[in-house]
Amino acid sequence: MKKITISLGLFSLILLAGPSYAANVNNLMNSNGCFACHSVDTKMVGPSFKMVADKYRGQKGAELMLAKKIITGGNGHWDDITGGVMMPPHPGMSMDQAQSIAKWVLSTK
């Protein structure tokens, strides 16, 4: 019985954290201007988040690689989409914040 109580408690925490996690990531992305160049499913200045997810989902180390790109900026991987426009760096963002965004992007379907 004790195992069931613990499992249900953990499940409840995950359910409660879900909307909060999504809201936090959305706020972080809004405050850093991500949506000025990206949308969920339509190419804008940069690739859509769905395009990024489709390209990197399932690749070993993809979350960390994307997080580093978010912080340092980047170009060259999407020139056919962006016309060579570079993604600006976000040096004030922590690795934890960048990884939260990368995790969310990789979950986009």
N, C-alpha and C. Protein backbone atom coordinates (compact mmCIF):
# COMPACT_ATOMS: atom_id res chain seq x y z
N MET A 1 0.82 -1.20 0.00
CA MET A 1 0.00 0.00 0.00
C MET A 1 0.86 1.25 0.00
N LYS A 2 1.98 1.18 0.69
CA LYS A 2 2.87 2.33 0.76
C LYS A 2 3.42 2.70 -0.61
N LYS A 3 3.76 1.70 -1.43
CA LYS A 3 4.28 1.95 -2.77
C LYS A 3 3.25 2.67 -3.63
N ILE A 4 2.00 2.29 -3.51
CA ILE A 4 0.93 2.93 -4.28
C ILE A 4 0.80 4.40 -3.88
N THR A 5 0.86 4.68 -2.61
CA THR A 5 0.74 6.05 -2.12
C THR A 5 1.89 6.91 -2.66
N ILE A 6 3.09 6.38 -2.62
CA ILE A 6 4.25 7.12 -3.12
C ILE A 6 4.11 7.33 -4.62
N SER A 7 3.73 6.31 -5.36
CA SER A 7 3.58 6.43 -6.80
C SER A 7 2.51 7.45 -7.16
N LEU A 8 1.37 7.40 -6.48
CA LEU A 8 0.31 8.36 -6.76
C LEU A 8 0.75 9.77 -6.41
N GLY A 9 1.52 9.90 -5.33
CA GLY A 9 2.04 11.22 -4.95
C GLY A 9 2.97 11.79 -6.01
N LEU A 10 3.88 10.96 -6.52
CA LEU A 10 4.79 11.41 -7.57
C LEU A 10 4.03 11.75 -8.84
N PHE A 11 3.05 10.93 -9.19
CA PHE A 11 2.23 11.19 -10.37
C PHE A 11 1.51 12.52 -10.23
N SER A 12 0.97 12.80 -9.07
CA SER A 12 0.28 14.07 -8.83
C SER A 12 1.23 15.25 -8.98
N LEU A 13 2.45 15.12 -8.47
CA LEU A 13 3.43 16.20 -8.62
C LEU A 13 3.77 16.45 -10.07
N ILE A 14 3.91 15.39 -10.85
CA ILE A 14 4.21 15.54 -12.28
C ILE A 14 3.07 16.25 -12.98
N LEU A 15 1.84 15.85 -12.68
CA LEU A 15 0.69 16.50 -13.29
C LEU A 15 0.62 17.98 -12.93
N LEU A 16 0.89 18.29 -11.68
CA LEU A 16 0.84 19.68 -11.25
C LEU A 16 1.98 20.49 -11.84
N ALA A 17 3.13 19.88 -12.03
CA ALA A 17 4.29 20.59 -12.57
C ALA A 17 4.17 20.82 -14.07
N GLY A 18 3.41 19.99 -14.78
CA GLY A 18 3.30 20.09 -16.23
C GLY A 18 2.92 21.46 -16.73
N PRO A 19 1.76 21.99 -16.36
CA PRO A 19 1.36 23.30 -16.83
C PRO A 19 2.31 24.41 -16.38
N SER A 20 2.83 24.28 -15.17
CA SER A 20 3.76 25.27 -14.65
C SER A 20 5.05 25.26 -15.48
N TYR A 21 5.55 24.08 -15.79
CA TYR A 21 6.76 23.94 -16.61
C TYR A 21 6.54 24.59 -17.97
N ALA A 22 5.43 24.27 -18.61
CA ALA A 22 5.14 24.84 -19.92
C ALA A 22 5.02 26.36 -19.84
N ALA A 23 4.37 26.86 -18.82
CA ALA A 23 4.23 28.31 -18.65
C ALA A 23 5.58 28.96 -18.43
N ASN A 24 6.44 28.33 -17.64
CA ASN A 24 7.77 28.88 -17.39
C ASN A 24 8.60 28.92 -18.66
N VAL A 25 8.56 27.85 -19.46
CA VAL A 25 9.30 27.82 -20.71
C VAL A 25 8.74 28.88 -21.66
N ASN A 26 7.42 28.99 -21.75
CA ASN A 26 6.80 29.99 -22.61
C ASN A 26 7.22 31.40 -22.19
N ASN A 27 7.21 31.68 -20.89
CA ASN A 27 7.65 32.99 -20.40
C ASN A 27 9.11 33.25 -20.72
N LEU A 28 9.94 32.24 -20.56
CA LEU A 28 11.36 32.36 -20.85
C LEU A 28 11.57 32.65 -22.34
N MET A 29 10.84 31.95 -23.19
CA MET A 29 10.97 32.16 -24.64
C MET A 29 10.45 33.53 -25.04
N ASN A 30 9.36 33.95 -24.45
CA ASN A 30 8.83 35.29 -24.74
C ASN A 30 9.81 36.38 -24.31
N SER A 31 10.37 36.24 -23.13
CA SER A 31 11.26 37.27 -22.60
C SER A 31 12.59 37.33 -23.34
N ASN A 32 12.94 36.28 -24.06
CA ASN A 32 14.20 36.25 -24.81
C ASN A 32 14.00 36.44 -26.31
N GLY A 33 12.77 36.73 -26.72
CA GLY A 33 12.51 37.06 -28.12
C GLY A 33 12.50 35.88 -29.08
N CYS A 34 12.37 34.68 -28.58
CA CYS A 34 12.39 33.49 -29.45
C CYS A 34 11.31 33.55 -30.53
N PHE A 35 10.12 34.04 -30.12
CA PHE A 35 8.99 34.04 -31.04
C PHE A 35 9.07 35.16 -32.07
N ALA A 36 10.07 36.02 -31.98
CA ALA A 36 10.25 37.06 -33.00
C ALA A 36 10.76 36.44 -34.30
N CYS A 37 11.47 35.33 -34.19
CA CYS A 37 12.06 34.69 -35.37
C CYS A 37 11.55 33.27 -35.61
N HIS A 38 10.93 32.66 -34.61
CA HIS A 38 10.48 31.28 -34.72
C HIS A 38 9.01 31.17 -34.34
N SER A 39 8.32 30.23 -34.97
CA SER A 39 6.98 29.87 -34.54
C SER A 39 6.96 28.36 -34.34
N VAL A 40 5.87 27.87 -33.83
CA VAL A 40 5.80 26.44 -33.56
C VAL A 40 5.83 25.64 -34.86
N ASP A 41 5.03 26.04 -35.84
CA ASP A 41 4.90 25.19 -37.03
C ASP A 41 5.05 25.89 -38.37
N THR A 42 5.45 27.17 -38.37
CA THR A 42 5.62 27.90 -39.62
C THR A 42 6.99 28.53 -39.67
N LYS A 43 7.69 28.37 -40.79
CA LYS A 43 8.99 29.01 -40.97
C LYS A 43 8.79 30.52 -40.96
N MET A 44 9.65 31.18 -40.23
CA MET A 44 9.65 32.65 -40.21
C MET A 44 11.05 33.08 -40.62
N VAL A 45 11.69 33.91 -39.85
CA VAL A 45 13.09 34.25 -40.11
C VAL A 45 13.95 33.00 -39.92
N GLY A 46 13.62 32.24 -38.89
CA GLY A 46 14.30 30.98 -38.63
C GLY A 46 13.35 29.82 -38.83
N PRO A 47 13.86 28.61 -38.71
CA PRO A 47 13.01 27.43 -38.87
C PRO A 47 11.96 27.35 -37.76
N SER A 48 10.86 26.69 -38.05
CA SER A 48 9.86 26.47 -37.01
C SER A 48 10.43 25.52 -35.97
N PHE A 49 9.87 25.56 -34.78
CA PHE A 49 10.32 24.65 -33.74
C PHE A 49 10.05 23.20 -34.15
N LYS A 50 8.99 22.97 -34.89
CA LYS A 50 8.69 21.63 -35.37
C LYS A 50 9.79 21.15 -36.33
N MET A 51 10.27 22.05 -37.19
CA MET A 51 11.36 21.69 -38.11
C MET A 51 12.62 21.32 -37.34
N VAL A 52 12.92 22.09 -36.30
CA VAL A 52 14.10 21.81 -35.48
C VAL A 52 13.93 20.45 -34.79
N ALA A 53 12.75 20.23 -34.23
CA ALA A 53 12.49 18.96 -33.55
C ALA A 53 12.62 17.79 -34.51
N ASP A 54 12.05 17.93 -35.70
CA ASP A 54 12.11 16.85 -36.69
C ASP A 54 13.55 16.54 -37.10
N LYS A 55 14.39 17.57 -37.17
CA LYS A 55 15.78 17.38 -37.58
C LYS A 55 16.63 16.72 -36.49
N TYR A 56 16.38 17.08 -35.24
CA TYR A 56 17.28 16.65 -34.17
C TYR A 56 16.70 15.65 -33.18
N ARG A 57 15.38 15.47 -33.17
CA ARG A 57 14.76 14.57 -32.19
C ARG A 57 15.38 13.16 -32.30
N GLY A 58 15.70 12.61 -31.16
CA GLY A 58 16.24 11.25 -31.13
C GLY A 58 17.75 11.18 -31.29
N GLN A 59 18.39 12.28 -31.65
CA GLN A 59 19.84 12.27 -31.79
C GLN A 59 20.49 12.39 -30.42
N LYS A 60 21.50 11.59 -30.20
CA LYS A 60 22.22 11.63 -28.93
C LYS A 60 22.86 13.01 -28.75
N GLY A 61 22.62 13.62 -27.59
CA GLY A 61 23.22 14.90 -27.28
C GLY A 61 22.51 16.11 -27.89
N ALA A 62 21.36 15.88 -28.54
CA ALA A 62 20.66 16.98 -29.23
C ALA A 62 20.24 18.08 -28.26
N GLU A 63 19.74 17.72 -27.10
CA GLU A 63 19.27 18.73 -26.15
C GLU A 63 20.41 19.65 -25.72
N LEU A 64 21.54 19.07 -25.40
CA LEU A 64 22.70 19.87 -24.98
C LEU A 64 23.23 20.71 -26.14
N MET A 65 23.30 20.14 -27.33
CA MET A 65 23.77 20.87 -28.50
C MET A 65 22.88 22.08 -28.78
N LEU A 66 21.56 21.88 -28.74
CA LEU A 66 20.63 22.99 -28.97
C LEU A 66 20.73 24.04 -27.88
N ALA A 67 20.89 23.60 -26.64
CA ALA A 67 21.03 24.54 -25.53
C ALA A 67 22.26 25.41 -25.72
N LYS A 68 23.36 24.81 -26.14
CA LYS A 68 24.59 25.58 -26.38
C LYS A 68 24.38 26.56 -27.52
N LYS A 69 23.68 26.15 -28.58
CA LYS A 69 23.39 27.04 -29.71
C LYS A 69 22.51 28.21 -29.28
N ILE A 70 21.56 27.94 -28.39
CA ILE A 70 20.70 29.02 -27.90
C ILE A 70 21.55 30.06 -27.18
N ILE A 71 22.49 29.62 -26.39
CA ILE A 71 23.32 30.55 -25.62
C ILE A 71 24.35 31.26 -26.50
N THR A 72 25.00 30.53 -27.39
CA THR A 72 26.09 31.11 -28.18
C THR A 72 25.65 31.67 -29.53
N GLY A 73 24.42 31.34 -29.95
CA GLY A 73 23.96 31.74 -31.28
C GLY A 73 24.47 30.75 -32.31
N GLY A 74 24.12 30.97 -33.52
CA GLY A 74 24.60 30.04 -34.53
C GLY A 74 24.12 30.38 -35.92
N ASN A 75 24.79 29.80 -36.87
CA ASN A 75 24.36 29.89 -38.27
C ASN A 75 24.98 28.74 -39.04
N GLY A 76 24.51 28.58 -40.26
CA GLY A 76 25.05 27.55 -41.12
C GLY A 76 24.24 26.28 -41.20
N HIS A 77 23.46 25.98 -40.15
CA HIS A 77 22.69 24.75 -40.15
C HIS A 77 21.36 24.89 -40.87
N TRP A 78 20.90 26.11 -41.04
CA TRP A 78 19.58 26.35 -41.64
C TRP A 78 19.65 27.40 -42.74
N ASP A 79 20.79 27.56 -43.39
CA ASP A 79 20.95 28.60 -44.41
C ASP A 79 19.91 28.51 -45.52
N ASP A 80 19.49 27.29 -45.85
CA ASP A 80 18.47 27.14 -46.89
C ASP A 80 17.13 27.72 -46.45
N ILE A 81 16.91 27.81 -45.16
CA ILE A 81 15.68 28.37 -44.60
C ILE A 81 15.85 29.85 -44.28
N THR A 82 16.99 30.19 -43.69
CA THR A 82 17.19 31.55 -43.16
C THR A 82 17.86 32.50 -44.15
N GLY A 83 18.40 31.96 -45.23
CA GLY A 83 19.15 32.82 -46.14
C GLY A 83 20.45 33.32 -45.51
N GLY A 84 20.94 32.61 -44.53
CA GLY A 84 22.20 32.96 -43.88
C GLY A 84 22.05 33.86 -42.67
N VAL A 85 20.82 34.16 -42.26
CA VAL A 85 20.61 34.99 -41.07
C VAL A 85 21.02 34.19 -39.84
N MET A 86 21.86 34.79 -39.02
CA MET A 86 22.37 34.12 -37.82
C MET A 86 21.39 34.25 -36.66
N MET A 87 21.25 33.18 -35.88
CA MET A 87 20.49 33.27 -34.64
C MET A 87 21.38 34.00 -33.64
N PRO A 88 20.86 35.08 -33.03
CA PRO A 88 21.70 35.82 -32.09
C PRO A 88 21.95 35.02 -30.82
N PRO A 89 23.07 35.30 -30.16
CA PRO A 89 23.36 34.62 -28.89
C PRO A 89 22.50 35.16 -27.77
N HIS A 90 22.35 34.34 -26.75
CA HIS A 90 21.63 34.71 -25.53
C HIS A 90 22.54 34.43 -24.34
N PRO A 91 23.62 35.21 -24.21
CA PRO A 91 24.63 34.92 -23.18
C PRO A 91 24.14 35.08 -21.75
N GLY A 92 23.05 35.78 -21.54
CA GLY A 92 22.52 35.94 -20.19
C GLY A 92 21.66 34.78 -19.73
N MET A 93 21.43 33.84 -20.63
CA MET A 93 20.60 32.68 -20.29
C MET A 93 21.46 31.59 -19.66
N SER A 94 20.95 30.99 -18.61
CA SER A 94 21.69 29.89 -17.97
C SER A 94 21.55 28.62 -18.80
N MET A 95 22.45 27.70 -18.57
CA MET A 95 22.39 26.42 -19.27
C MET A 95 21.09 25.70 -18.92
N ASP A 96 20.65 25.77 -17.68
CA ASP A 96 19.39 25.13 -17.29
C ASP A 96 18.22 25.73 -18.06
N GLN A 97 18.20 27.04 -18.21
CA GLN A 97 17.12 27.68 -18.97
C GLN A 97 17.17 27.25 -20.43
N ALA A 98 18.35 27.28 -21.03
CA ALA A 98 18.50 26.89 -22.43
C ALA A 98 18.12 25.43 -22.63
N GLN A 99 18.47 24.57 -21.69
CA GLN A 99 18.10 23.16 -21.81
C GLN A 99 16.59 22.98 -21.68
N SER A 100 15.95 23.78 -20.85
CA SER A 100 14.48 23.70 -20.75
C SER A 100 13.84 24.04 -22.08
N ILE A 101 14.35 25.08 -22.73
CA ILE A 101 13.82 25.46 -24.04
C ILE A 101 14.11 24.35 -25.06
N ALA A 102 15.34 23.86 -25.07
CA ALA A 102 15.71 22.81 -26.03
C ALA A 102 14.85 21.57 -25.83
N LYS A 103 14.61 21.20 -24.59
CA LYS A 103 13.76 20.03 -24.29
C LYS A 103 12.37 20.25 -24.85
N TRP A 104 11.82 21.46 -24.63
CA TRP A 104 10.48 21.78 -25.13
C TRP A 104 10.47 21.73 -26.65
N VAL A 105 11.47 22.34 -27.28
CA VAL A 105 11.54 22.35 -28.75
C VAL A 105 11.57 20.92 -29.28
N LEU A 106 12.39 20.07 -28.70
CA LEU A 106 12.50 18.68 -29.16
C LEU A 106 11.22 17.89 -28.96
N SER A 107 10.35 18.35 -28.07
CA SER A 107 9.08 17.65 -27.84
C SER A 107 7.99 18.12 -28.82
N THR A 108 8.27 19.15 -29.60
CA THR A 108 7.28 19.71 -30.53
C THR A 108 6.98 18.72 -31.65
N LYS A 109 5.70 18.50 -31.89
CA LYS A 109 5.30 17.55 -32.95
C LYS A 109 4.34 18.20 -33.89
